[in-house]
Amino acid sequence: MVEVASSQKAIDEALRLRQAVFISGDGLAITFQTFVVSRNADGLVLANHIRPKYIGDFMNSRAFSLQIGMVRFQSDKIISDGQNVIFPLKKDSVIEETRQSERFYFTTDERVIVEILNPFDGETRISKSVMDMSATGLSLRTTFESQLFRPDTYLPTMRVLVDGELYKKGSGRVVYRRKLMDLGGQIRSQVGIKFES
């Protein structure tokens, strides 16, 4: 169980910095990017970025998850105030996140990218926007499905660039890929990569 102080800190930072948070339900294989509007007696008020065609399947879920920084919250129901989604917070709603290192989040205008040398042909360089990064890994956003981003794919040559300057280089391994609807309503893939060197 995560300490109350660390979950409270994650919520406070998400509110103050208007940080991206991620909500999902087990009835739909899409994670929705959103942000925390406020906190009230019922829980966390989240901007509703769920498209109407997905609302039914999403609301019929039996388990919901909300990722804020390194803390994951869970609930067996969510409610709406007619405009926003309200994620209830209870004593047992916090579950520990597996990542232990501090994670930094980036917007597309912060120009943090990862260059990956395609291990299948050894020639093609692929550049993708980095969504977040820690000492142990990063996640990137991509618009296309690719064999390159299948879980357990080894990526021997990666370079992380911040404003065009080399920040980190090494190898990595894909640990997950999930469908993500971003704040603009576009379906993307979010790919998690663990650094191996």
N, C-alpha and C. Protein backbone atom coordinates (compact mmCIF):
# COMPACT_ATOMS: atom_id res chain seq x y z
N MET A 1 0.84 -1.19 0.00
CA MET A 1 0.00 0.00 0.00
C MET A 1 0.88 1.25 0.00
N VAL A 2 0.57 2.21 -0.83
CA VAL A 2 1.32 3.45 -0.92
C VAL A 2 0.95 4.34 0.26
N GLU A 3 1.92 5.06 0.79
CA GLU A 3 1.64 5.98 1.89
C GLU A 3 0.67 7.07 1.41
N VAL A 4 -0.18 7.53 2.33
CA VAL A 4 -1.14 8.58 2.01
C VAL A 4 -0.42 9.84 1.54
N ALA A 5 0.72 10.15 2.18
CA ALA A 5 1.46 11.37 1.83
C ALA A 5 1.91 11.36 0.38
N SER A 6 2.41 10.22 -0.13
CA SER A 6 2.89 10.18 -1.52
C SER A 6 1.73 10.25 -2.50
N SER A 7 0.58 9.66 -2.17
CA SER A 7 -0.56 9.75 -3.07
C SER A 7 -1.12 11.17 -3.06
N GLN A 8 -1.12 11.81 -1.90
CA GLN A 8 -1.60 13.20 -1.80
C GLN A 8 -0.68 14.13 -2.58
N LYS A 9 0.63 13.88 -2.49
CA LYS A 9 1.61 14.70 -3.21
C LYS A 9 1.39 14.57 -4.73
N ALA A 10 1.14 13.34 -5.20
CA ALA A 10 0.91 13.11 -6.62
C ALA A 10 -0.33 13.87 -7.09
N ILE A 11 -1.39 13.84 -6.29
CA ILE A 11 -2.63 14.55 -6.64
C ILE A 11 -2.38 16.06 -6.66
N ASP A 12 -1.71 16.58 -5.63
CA ASP A 12 -1.43 18.02 -5.55
C ASP A 12 -0.62 18.49 -6.75
N GLU A 13 0.40 17.71 -7.14
CA GLU A 13 1.24 18.08 -8.29
C GLU A 13 0.45 18.05 -9.59
N ALA A 14 -0.39 17.02 -9.74
CA ALA A 14 -1.19 16.90 -10.97
C ALA A 14 -2.13 18.10 -11.10
N LEU A 15 -2.70 18.54 -9.98
CA LEU A 15 -3.59 19.70 -9.98
C LEU A 15 -2.81 20.99 -10.27
N ARG A 16 -1.72 21.18 -9.57
CA ARG A 16 -0.94 22.42 -9.67
C ARG A 16 -0.32 22.59 -11.06
N LEU A 17 0.25 21.49 -11.60
CA LEU A 17 0.95 21.56 -12.87
C LEU A 17 0.07 21.22 -14.08
N ARG A 18 -1.18 20.87 -13.78
CA ARG A 18 -2.11 20.42 -14.83
C ARG A 18 -1.48 19.29 -15.66
N GLN A 19 -0.92 18.35 -14.90
CA GLN A 19 -0.21 17.21 -15.47
C GLN A 19 -1.18 16.21 -16.10
N ALA A 20 -0.72 15.55 -17.13
CA ALA A 20 -1.54 14.50 -17.74
C ALA A 20 -1.69 13.33 -16.77
N VAL A 21 -2.91 12.81 -16.67
CA VAL A 21 -3.19 11.59 -15.91
C VAL A 21 -3.90 10.63 -16.86
N PHE A 22 -3.99 9.36 -16.48
CA PHE A 22 -4.51 8.34 -17.39
C PHE A 22 -5.57 7.50 -16.69
N ILE A 23 -6.76 7.43 -17.32
CA ILE A 23 -7.85 6.64 -16.74
C ILE A 23 -8.22 5.52 -17.70
N SER A 24 -8.51 4.36 -17.13
CA SER A 24 -8.92 3.21 -17.95
C SER A 24 -9.95 2.39 -17.20
N GLY A 25 -10.70 1.59 -17.96
CA GLY A 25 -11.66 0.66 -17.38
C GLY A 25 -11.46 -0.70 -18.03
N ASP A 26 -11.76 -1.77 -17.29
CA ASP A 26 -11.49 -3.11 -17.83
C ASP A 26 -12.47 -3.53 -18.94
N GLY A 27 -13.47 -2.69 -19.24
CA GLY A 27 -14.42 -3.02 -20.30
C GLY A 27 -14.00 -2.52 -21.67
N LEU A 28 -12.83 -1.84 -21.73
CA LEU A 28 -12.40 -1.21 -22.98
C LEU A 28 -10.87 -1.20 -23.01
N ALA A 29 -10.28 -1.59 -24.14
CA ALA A 29 -8.82 -1.68 -24.24
C ALA A 29 -8.19 -0.37 -24.69
N ILE A 30 -8.69 0.76 -24.15
CA ILE A 30 -8.12 2.07 -24.46
C ILE A 30 -7.92 2.81 -23.14
N THR A 31 -6.76 3.45 -23.01
CA THR A 31 -6.49 4.32 -21.87
C THR A 31 -6.72 5.75 -22.34
N PHE A 32 -7.37 6.56 -21.50
CA PHE A 32 -7.69 7.94 -21.88
C PHE A 32 -6.81 8.92 -21.11
N GLN A 33 -6.16 9.82 -21.85
CA GLN A 33 -5.36 10.85 -21.24
C GLN A 33 -6.29 12.00 -20.84
N THR A 34 -6.10 12.52 -19.64
CA THR A 34 -6.94 13.62 -19.17
C THR A 34 -6.16 14.43 -18.14
N PHE A 35 -6.84 15.26 -17.37
CA PHE A 35 -6.19 16.00 -16.29
C PHE A 35 -7.19 16.20 -15.16
N VAL A 36 -6.66 16.46 -13.96
CA VAL A 36 -7.50 16.67 -12.78
C VAL A 36 -7.96 18.12 -12.76
N VAL A 37 -9.27 18.32 -12.74
CA VAL A 37 -9.86 19.66 -12.70
C VAL A 37 -9.89 20.18 -11.26
N SER A 38 -10.32 19.32 -10.34
CA SER A 38 -10.41 19.71 -8.93
C SER A 38 -10.60 18.46 -8.08
N ARG A 39 -10.68 18.68 -6.79
CA ARG A 39 -10.96 17.60 -5.85
C ARG A 39 -12.17 18.02 -5.03
N ASN A 40 -13.11 17.09 -4.83
CA ASN A 40 -14.26 17.42 -3.98
C ASN A 40 -14.53 16.26 -3.03
N ALA A 41 -15.62 16.33 -2.30
CA ALA A 41 -15.92 15.31 -1.30
C ALA A 41 -16.13 13.93 -1.92
N ASP A 42 -16.55 13.89 -3.20
CA ASP A 42 -16.78 12.60 -3.86
C ASP A 42 -15.51 11.98 -4.42
N GLY A 43 -14.48 12.78 -4.66
CA GLY A 43 -13.25 12.25 -5.23
C GLY A 43 -12.55 13.25 -6.12
N LEU A 44 -11.88 12.75 -7.15
CA LEU A 44 -11.16 13.61 -8.08
C LEU A 44 -12.03 13.90 -9.30
N VAL A 45 -12.16 15.16 -9.63
CA VAL A 45 -12.94 15.58 -10.80
C VAL A 45 -11.97 15.63 -11.98
N LEU A 46 -12.24 14.81 -13.01
CA LEU A 46 -11.38 14.71 -14.18
C LEU A 46 -12.10 15.27 -15.40
N ALA A 47 -11.38 15.99 -16.24
CA ALA A 47 -11.97 16.47 -17.49
C ALA A 47 -12.37 15.25 -18.32
N ASN A 48 -13.57 15.28 -18.87
CA ASN A 48 -14.07 14.13 -19.64
C ASN A 48 -13.55 14.19 -21.08
N HIS A 49 -12.57 13.36 -21.38
CA HIS A 49 -12.02 13.28 -22.73
C HIS A 49 -12.38 11.95 -23.39
N ILE A 50 -13.44 11.31 -22.91
CA ILE A 50 -13.87 10.03 -23.48
C ILE A 50 -14.89 10.31 -24.57
N ARG A 51 -14.59 9.87 -25.78
CA ARG A 51 -15.49 10.11 -26.91
C ARG A 51 -16.81 9.37 -26.70
N PRO A 52 -17.93 9.96 -27.17
CA PRO A 52 -19.25 9.34 -26.97
C PRO A 52 -19.33 7.88 -27.40
N LYS A 53 -18.65 7.51 -28.48
CA LYS A 53 -18.76 6.11 -28.95
C LYS A 53 -18.11 5.12 -27.99
N TYR A 54 -17.27 5.59 -27.06
CA TYR A 54 -16.61 4.68 -26.11
C TYR A 54 -17.24 4.72 -24.72
N ILE A 55 -18.11 5.69 -24.47
CA ILE A 55 -18.66 5.89 -23.12
C ILE A 55 -19.36 4.64 -22.59
N GLY A 56 -20.20 4.01 -23.43
CA GLY A 56 -20.97 2.84 -22.97
C GLY A 56 -20.08 1.73 -22.45
N ASP A 57 -19.10 1.31 -23.27
CA ASP A 57 -18.18 0.23 -22.85
C ASP A 57 -17.36 0.65 -21.65
N PHE A 58 -16.95 1.91 -21.64
CA PHE A 58 -16.14 2.39 -20.52
C PHE A 58 -16.94 2.35 -19.22
N MET A 59 -18.16 2.88 -19.24
CA MET A 59 -18.98 2.93 -18.02
C MET A 59 -19.43 1.55 -17.56
N ASN A 60 -19.49 0.58 -18.48
CA ASN A 60 -19.87 -0.79 -18.11
C ASN A 60 -18.72 -1.59 -17.50
N SER A 61 -17.56 -0.96 -17.36
CA SER A 61 -16.41 -1.64 -16.75
C SER A 61 -16.72 -1.99 -15.30
N ARG A 62 -16.07 -3.04 -14.81
CA ARG A 62 -16.24 -3.43 -13.40
C ARG A 62 -15.10 -2.94 -12.52
N ALA A 63 -14.00 -2.51 -13.17
CA ALA A 63 -12.85 -2.00 -12.42
C ALA A 63 -12.25 -0.83 -13.21
N PHE A 64 -11.92 0.24 -12.50
CA PHE A 64 -11.35 1.43 -13.11
C PHE A 64 -9.99 1.72 -12.47
N SER A 65 -9.11 2.28 -13.26
CA SER A 65 -7.76 2.59 -12.78
C SER A 65 -7.42 4.02 -13.19
N LEU A 66 -6.78 4.74 -12.30
CA LEU A 66 -6.34 6.11 -12.57
C LEU A 66 -4.86 6.20 -12.21
N GLN A 67 -4.03 6.53 -13.20
CA GLN A 67 -2.59 6.65 -13.00
C GLN A 67 -2.23 8.13 -12.88
N ILE A 68 -1.68 8.50 -11.72
CA ILE A 68 -1.20 9.87 -11.50
C ILE A 68 0.26 9.75 -11.07
N GLY A 69 1.15 10.15 -11.95
CA GLY A 69 2.57 10.00 -11.64
C GLY A 69 2.90 8.54 -11.40
N MET A 70 3.54 8.26 -10.26
CA MET A 70 3.92 6.89 -9.95
C MET A 70 2.89 6.19 -9.07
N VAL A 71 1.74 6.80 -8.88
CA VAL A 71 0.70 6.23 -8.02
C VAL A 71 -0.50 5.81 -8.86
N ARG A 72 -1.00 4.61 -8.61
CA ARG A 72 -2.18 4.12 -9.32
C ARG A 72 -3.33 3.99 -8.32
N PHE A 73 -4.48 4.55 -8.69
CA PHE A 73 -5.69 4.46 -7.88
C PHE A 73 -6.65 3.50 -8.56
N GLN A 74 -7.46 2.82 -7.77
CA GLN A 74 -8.44 1.90 -8.34
C GLN A 74 -9.81 2.14 -7.72
N SER A 75 -10.83 1.78 -8.48
CA SER A 75 -12.20 1.93 -7.99
C SER A 75 -13.09 0.94 -8.74
N ASP A 76 -14.18 0.54 -8.12
CA ASP A 76 -15.11 -0.37 -8.81
C ASP A 76 -16.23 0.41 -9.49
N LYS A 77 -16.20 1.75 -9.39
CA LYS A 77 -17.20 2.56 -10.08
C LYS A 77 -16.67 3.97 -10.25
N ILE A 78 -17.23 4.68 -11.23
CA ILE A 78 -16.98 6.10 -11.37
C ILE A 78 -18.33 6.77 -11.57
N ILE A 79 -18.37 8.07 -11.33
CA ILE A 79 -19.63 8.79 -11.50
C ILE A 79 -19.37 10.02 -12.37
N SER A 80 -20.43 10.70 -12.74
CA SER A 80 -20.31 11.89 -13.56
C SER A 80 -21.14 13.00 -12.94
N ASP A 81 -20.69 14.25 -13.13
CA ASP A 81 -21.49 15.39 -12.68
C ASP A 81 -22.24 16.00 -13.86
N GLY A 82 -22.31 15.25 -14.97
CA GLY A 82 -22.98 15.73 -16.17
C GLY A 82 -22.02 16.31 -17.18
N GLN A 83 -20.84 16.69 -16.70
CA GLN A 83 -19.82 17.23 -17.60
C GLN A 83 -18.49 16.53 -17.43
N ASN A 84 -18.08 16.33 -16.19
CA ASN A 84 -16.79 15.71 -15.88
C ASN A 84 -16.95 14.30 -15.33
N VAL A 85 -15.85 13.57 -15.27
CA VAL A 85 -15.81 12.24 -14.66
C VAL A 85 -15.31 12.41 -13.24
N ILE A 86 -15.96 11.75 -12.29
CA ILE A 86 -15.52 11.82 -10.89
C ILE A 86 -15.01 10.44 -10.49
N PHE A 87 -13.74 10.40 -10.12
CA PHE A 87 -13.10 9.15 -9.69
C PHE A 87 -13.11 9.13 -8.17
N PRO A 88 -13.92 8.23 -7.55
CA PRO A 88 -14.03 8.21 -6.09
C PRO A 88 -12.70 7.82 -5.43
N LEU A 89 -12.40 8.45 -4.32
CA LEU A 89 -11.20 8.11 -3.55
C LEU A 89 -11.63 7.56 -2.20
N LYS A 90 -11.13 6.36 -1.89
CA LYS A 90 -11.40 5.75 -0.59
C LYS A 90 -10.06 5.33 0.01
N LYS A 91 -10.07 4.90 1.24
CA LYS A 91 -8.83 4.48 1.90
C LYS A 91 -8.11 3.38 1.13
N ASP A 92 -8.88 2.46 0.56
CA ASP A 92 -8.25 1.32 -0.12
C ASP A 92 -8.10 1.53 -1.63
N SER A 93 -8.24 2.79 -2.10
CA SER A 93 -8.21 3.00 -3.55
C SER A 93 -6.81 3.17 -4.12
N VAL A 94 -5.79 3.24 -3.26
CA VAL A 94 -4.42 3.42 -3.74
C VAL A 94 -3.71 2.07 -3.77
N ILE A 95 -3.13 1.75 -4.93
CA ILE A 95 -2.30 0.55 -5.02
C ILE A 95 -0.91 0.98 -5.47
N GLU A 96 0.10 0.26 -5.06
CA GLU A 96 1.47 0.66 -5.34
C GLU A 96 1.81 0.50 -6.80
N GLU A 97 2.54 1.46 -7.30
CA GLU A 97 3.02 1.40 -8.69
C GLU A 97 4.38 0.71 -8.68
N THR A 98 4.63 -0.06 -9.73
CA THR A 98 5.86 -0.86 -9.77
C THR A 98 7.11 -0.04 -10.00
N ARG A 99 6.99 1.08 -10.67
CA ARG A 99 8.18 1.90 -10.94
C ARG A 99 8.58 2.63 -9.66
N GLN A 100 9.85 2.55 -9.31
CA GLN A 100 10.32 3.16 -8.07
C GLN A 100 11.01 4.50 -8.28
N SER A 101 11.52 4.81 -9.49
CA SER A 101 12.26 6.06 -9.66
C SER A 101 11.33 7.20 -10.04
N GLU A 102 11.75 8.40 -9.69
CA GLU A 102 10.94 9.58 -10.00
C GLU A 102 10.79 9.71 -11.50
N ARG A 103 9.59 10.08 -11.92
CA ARG A 103 9.26 10.16 -13.34
C ARG A 103 9.00 11.60 -13.72
N PHE A 104 9.52 12.00 -14.89
CA PHE A 104 9.33 13.35 -15.39
C PHE A 104 8.45 13.30 -16.63
N TYR A 105 7.50 14.22 -16.73
CA TYR A 105 6.51 14.23 -17.81
C TYR A 105 6.80 15.38 -18.76
N PHE A 106 6.57 15.13 -20.06
CA PHE A 106 6.87 16.13 -21.07
C PHE A 106 5.66 16.36 -21.96
N THR A 107 5.51 17.60 -22.41
CA THR A 107 4.50 17.91 -23.42
C THR A 107 5.18 17.90 -24.77
N THR A 108 4.40 17.85 -25.85
CA THR A 108 5.00 17.77 -27.19
C THR A 108 5.84 18.99 -27.51
N ASP A 109 5.53 20.15 -26.92
CA ASP A 109 6.33 21.34 -27.24
C ASP A 109 7.64 21.42 -26.45
N GLU A 110 7.89 20.45 -25.56
CA GLU A 110 9.15 20.45 -24.82
C GLU A 110 10.29 19.79 -25.62
N ARG A 111 9.99 19.23 -26.77
CA ARG A 111 10.98 18.70 -27.70
C ARG A 111 11.93 17.68 -27.06
N VAL A 112 11.34 16.69 -26.41
CA VAL A 112 12.12 15.56 -25.90
C VAL A 112 11.76 14.38 -26.79
N ILE A 113 12.76 13.87 -27.52
CA ILE A 113 12.50 12.76 -28.43
C ILE A 113 13.47 11.62 -28.17
N VAL A 114 13.06 10.43 -28.60
CA VAL A 114 13.96 9.29 -28.58
C VAL A 114 14.17 8.84 -30.02
N GLU A 115 15.42 8.63 -30.38
CA GLU A 115 15.77 8.08 -31.69
C GLU A 115 16.12 6.61 -31.48
N ILE A 116 15.47 5.76 -32.27
CA ILE A 116 15.69 4.32 -32.15
C ILE A 116 16.20 3.79 -33.49
N LEU A 117 17.30 3.04 -33.45
CA LEU A 117 17.78 2.38 -34.65
C LEU A 117 17.01 1.08 -34.77
N ASN A 118 16.30 0.91 -35.90
CA ASN A 118 15.47 -0.28 -36.10
C ASN A 118 16.36 -1.53 -36.04
N PRO A 119 16.13 -2.42 -35.06
CA PRO A 119 16.98 -3.61 -34.93
C PRO A 119 16.74 -4.64 -36.05
N PHE A 120 15.63 -4.51 -36.78
CA PHE A 120 15.33 -5.49 -37.83
C PHE A 120 16.10 -5.24 -39.11
N ASP A 121 16.40 -3.95 -39.41
CA ASP A 121 17.17 -3.69 -40.62
C ASP A 121 18.52 -3.03 -40.33
N GLY A 122 18.73 -2.56 -39.08
CA GLY A 122 20.02 -1.98 -38.71
C GLY A 122 20.33 -0.66 -39.40
N GLU A 123 19.36 -0.06 -40.09
CA GLU A 123 19.61 1.18 -40.83
C GLU A 123 18.63 2.29 -40.50
N THR A 124 17.35 1.95 -40.45
CA THR A 124 16.31 2.98 -40.29
C THR A 124 16.34 3.57 -38.88
N ARG A 125 16.34 4.92 -38.83
CA ARG A 125 16.25 5.62 -37.54
C ARG A 125 14.83 6.15 -37.38
N ILE A 126 14.23 5.85 -36.24
CA ILE A 126 12.86 6.26 -35.97
C ILE A 126 12.89 7.24 -34.81
N SER A 127 12.24 8.40 -34.97
CA SER A 127 12.18 9.41 -33.91
C SER A 127 10.75 9.49 -33.38
N LYS A 128 10.60 9.45 -32.06
CA LYS A 128 9.29 9.52 -31.42
C LYS A 128 9.33 10.47 -30.24
N SER A 129 8.20 11.14 -29.96
CA SER A 129 8.09 12.02 -28.80
C SER A 129 8.08 11.20 -27.52
N VAL A 130 8.82 11.67 -26.52
CA VAL A 130 8.86 11.02 -25.21
C VAL A 130 7.75 11.63 -24.36
N MET A 131 6.90 10.78 -23.78
CA MET A 131 5.82 11.25 -22.91
C MET A 131 6.32 11.46 -21.49
N ASP A 132 7.11 10.50 -21.00
CA ASP A 132 7.67 10.61 -19.66
C ASP A 132 8.93 9.76 -19.59
N MET A 133 9.78 10.06 -18.59
CA MET A 133 11.04 9.35 -18.47
C MET A 133 11.47 9.33 -17.01
N SER A 134 12.13 8.24 -16.63
CA SER A 134 12.73 8.13 -15.31
C SER A 134 14.14 7.58 -15.51
N ALA A 135 14.83 7.30 -14.41
CA ALA A 135 16.17 6.73 -14.50
C ALA A 135 16.14 5.32 -15.09
N THR A 136 14.97 4.65 -15.01
CA THR A 136 14.90 3.25 -15.44
C THR A 136 14.23 3.04 -16.80
N GLY A 137 13.59 4.07 -17.35
CA GLY A 137 12.93 3.87 -18.64
C GLY A 137 12.16 5.09 -19.10
N LEU A 138 11.41 4.91 -20.17
CA LEU A 138 10.62 6.00 -20.74
C LEU A 138 9.38 5.43 -21.40
N SER A 139 8.43 6.31 -21.71
CA SER A 139 7.33 5.90 -22.58
C SER A 139 7.26 6.89 -23.72
N LEU A 140 6.91 6.38 -24.89
CA LEU A 140 6.82 7.21 -26.08
C LEU A 140 5.44 7.10 -26.67
N ARG A 141 5.14 8.03 -27.57
CA ARG A 141 3.85 8.07 -28.25
C ARG A 141 4.11 7.79 -29.72
N THR A 142 3.28 6.93 -30.31
CA THR A 142 3.41 6.65 -31.74
C THR A 142 2.02 6.56 -32.37
N THR A 143 1.95 6.86 -33.67
CA THR A 143 0.65 6.86 -34.35
C THR A 143 0.42 5.57 -35.12
N PHE A 144 1.41 4.70 -35.19
CA PHE A 144 1.22 3.49 -35.99
C PHE A 144 1.59 2.24 -35.22
N GLU A 145 0.94 1.14 -35.57
CA GLU A 145 1.25 -0.16 -34.98
C GLU A 145 2.48 -0.70 -35.70
N SER A 146 3.43 -1.21 -34.97
CA SER A 146 4.66 -1.71 -35.59
C SER A 146 5.18 -2.91 -34.81
N GLN A 147 5.79 -3.85 -35.52
CA GLN A 147 6.44 -4.99 -34.88
C GLN A 147 7.55 -4.51 -33.95
N LEU A 148 8.12 -3.35 -34.29
CA LEU A 148 9.21 -2.78 -33.50
C LEU A 148 8.79 -2.57 -32.05
N PHE A 149 7.51 -2.26 -31.83
CA PHE A 149 7.06 -1.92 -30.49
C PHE A 149 6.27 -3.05 -29.81
N ARG A 150 6.49 -4.28 -30.26
CA ARG A 150 5.87 -5.42 -29.56
C ARG A 150 6.60 -5.65 -28.25
N PRO A 151 5.87 -5.99 -27.17
CA PRO A 151 6.54 -6.25 -25.89
C PRO A 151 7.66 -7.28 -26.03
N ASP A 152 8.75 -7.04 -25.34
CA ASP A 152 9.97 -7.86 -25.26
C ASP A 152 10.92 -7.64 -26.44
N THR A 153 10.60 -6.69 -27.34
CA THR A 153 11.54 -6.38 -28.43
C THR A 153 12.75 -5.66 -27.84
N TYR A 154 13.94 -6.16 -28.18
CA TYR A 154 15.19 -5.55 -27.71
C TYR A 154 15.60 -4.45 -28.67
N LEU A 155 15.91 -3.28 -28.14
CA LEU A 155 16.31 -2.12 -28.94
C LEU A 155 17.76 -1.79 -28.57
N PRO A 156 18.73 -2.26 -29.38
CA PRO A 156 20.14 -2.12 -29.00
C PRO A 156 20.68 -0.69 -29.04
N THR A 157 20.07 0.17 -29.85
CA THR A 157 20.61 1.53 -29.99
C THR A 157 19.50 2.57 -29.86
N MET A 158 19.53 3.30 -28.74
CA MET A 158 18.56 4.37 -28.50
C MET A 158 19.31 5.62 -28.06
N ARG A 159 18.82 6.78 -28.50
CA ARG A 159 19.37 8.07 -28.07
C ARG A 159 18.22 8.98 -27.66
N VAL A 160 18.29 9.54 -26.46
CA VAL A 160 17.29 10.50 -25.99
C VAL A 160 17.86 11.90 -26.21
N LEU A 161 17.10 12.74 -26.92
CA LEU A 161 17.54 14.10 -27.23
C LEU A 161 16.59 15.11 -26.58
N VAL A 162 17.16 16.12 -25.93
CA VAL A 162 16.38 17.20 -25.34
C VAL A 162 16.77 18.48 -26.07
N ASP A 163 15.80 19.07 -26.77
CA ASP A 163 16.05 20.26 -27.61
C ASP A 163 17.23 20.03 -28.57
N GLY A 164 17.31 18.83 -29.13
CA GLY A 164 18.33 18.51 -30.12
C GLY A 164 19.67 18.09 -29.53
N GLU A 165 19.84 18.18 -28.21
CA GLU A 165 21.10 17.82 -27.56
C GLU A 165 20.99 16.42 -26.98
N LEU A 166 22.05 15.63 -27.13
CA LEU A 166 22.07 14.26 -26.59
C LEU A 166 22.00 14.29 -25.08
N TYR A 167 21.02 13.59 -24.51
CA TYR A 167 20.84 13.53 -23.06
C TYR A 167 21.28 12.16 -22.52
N LYS A 168 20.92 11.11 -23.27
CA LYS A 168 21.21 9.74 -22.82
C LYS A 168 21.26 8.83 -24.02
N LYS A 169 22.13 7.82 -23.99
CA LYS A 169 22.11 6.80 -25.04
C LYS A 169 22.34 5.44 -24.42
N GLY A 170 21.88 4.41 -25.11
CA GLY A 170 22.02 3.05 -24.61
C GLY A 170 21.04 2.13 -25.30
N SER A 171 20.73 1.04 -24.62
CA SER A 171 19.79 0.06 -25.18
C SER A 171 18.57 -0.03 -24.28
N GLY A 172 17.54 -0.70 -24.79
CA GLY A 172 16.32 -0.85 -24.01
C GLY A 172 15.49 -2.02 -24.49
N ARG A 173 14.42 -2.28 -23.77
CA ARG A 173 13.52 -3.37 -24.12
C ARG A 173 12.08 -2.90 -23.94
N VAL A 174 11.23 -3.19 -24.92
CA VAL A 174 9.82 -2.80 -24.84
C VAL A 174 9.15 -3.65 -23.77
N VAL A 175 8.46 -2.99 -22.83
CA VAL A 175 7.78 -3.72 -21.76
C VAL A 175 6.25 -3.70 -21.92
N TYR A 176 5.71 -2.68 -22.58
CA TYR A 176 4.26 -2.70 -22.83
C TYR A 176 3.93 -1.79 -24.01
N ARG A 177 2.74 -2.05 -24.58
CA ARG A 177 2.16 -1.16 -25.60
C ARG A 177 0.67 -1.13 -25.33
N ARG A 178 0.10 0.07 -25.25
CA ARG A 178 -1.33 0.18 -25.00
C ARG A 178 -1.93 1.27 -25.87
N LYS A 179 -3.21 1.10 -26.20
CA LYS A 179 -3.93 2.13 -26.95
C LYS A 179 -4.20 3.29 -26.02
N LEU A 180 -4.00 4.50 -26.55
CA LEU A 180 -4.15 5.70 -25.75
C LEU A 180 -4.92 6.73 -26.57
N MET A 181 -5.95 7.31 -25.96
CA MET A 181 -6.61 8.44 -26.60
C MET A 181 -6.07 9.70 -25.93
N ASP A 182 -5.42 10.55 -26.74
CA ASP A 182 -4.80 11.75 -26.17
C ASP A 182 -5.83 12.85 -25.95
N LEU A 183 -5.37 13.99 -25.44
CA LEU A 183 -6.28 15.09 -25.11
C LEU A 183 -6.99 15.64 -26.33
N GLY A 184 -6.40 15.45 -27.52
CA GLY A 184 -7.03 15.91 -28.77
C GLY A 184 -8.01 14.92 -29.35
N GLY A 185 -8.22 13.78 -28.67
CA GLY A 185 -9.17 12.77 -29.14
C GLY A 185 -8.60 11.83 -30.19
N GLN A 186 -7.27 11.86 -30.38
CA GLN A 186 -6.63 10.97 -31.36
C GLN A 186 -6.20 9.68 -30.69
N ILE A 187 -6.42 8.55 -31.37
CA ILE A 187 -5.95 7.26 -30.86
C ILE A 187 -4.48 7.11 -31.23
N ARG A 188 -3.67 6.86 -30.23
CA ARG A 188 -2.23 6.64 -30.39
C ARG A 188 -1.88 5.32 -29.72
N SER A 189 -0.62 4.95 -29.80
CA SER A 189 -0.10 3.87 -28.98
C SER A 189 0.90 4.47 -28.02
N GLN A 190 0.82 4.09 -26.75
CA GLN A 190 1.83 4.46 -25.77
C GLN A 190 2.69 3.23 -25.56
N VAL A 191 4.00 3.38 -25.69
CA VAL A 191 4.94 2.27 -25.60
C VAL A 191 5.88 2.52 -24.44
N GLY A 192 5.98 1.55 -23.55
CA GLY A 192 6.89 1.66 -22.40
C GLY A 192 8.17 0.90 -22.69
N ILE A 193 9.31 1.54 -22.45
CA ILE A 193 10.62 0.94 -22.72
C ILE A 193 11.47 1.02 -21.46
N LYS A 194 12.06 -0.09 -21.09
CA LYS A 194 12.97 -0.13 -19.93
C LYS A 194 14.41 -0.03 -20.42
N PHE A 195 15.19 0.86 -19.81
CA PHE A 195 16.60 0.97 -20.19
C PHE A 195 17.34 -0.29 -19.74
N GLU A 196 18.25 -0.76 -20.59
CA GLU A 196 19.03 -1.95 -20.23
C GLU A 196 20.51 -1.65 -20.07
N SER A 197 20.92 -0.42 -20.30
CA SER A 197 22.32 -0.08 -20.10
C SER A 197 22.43 1.35 -19.63
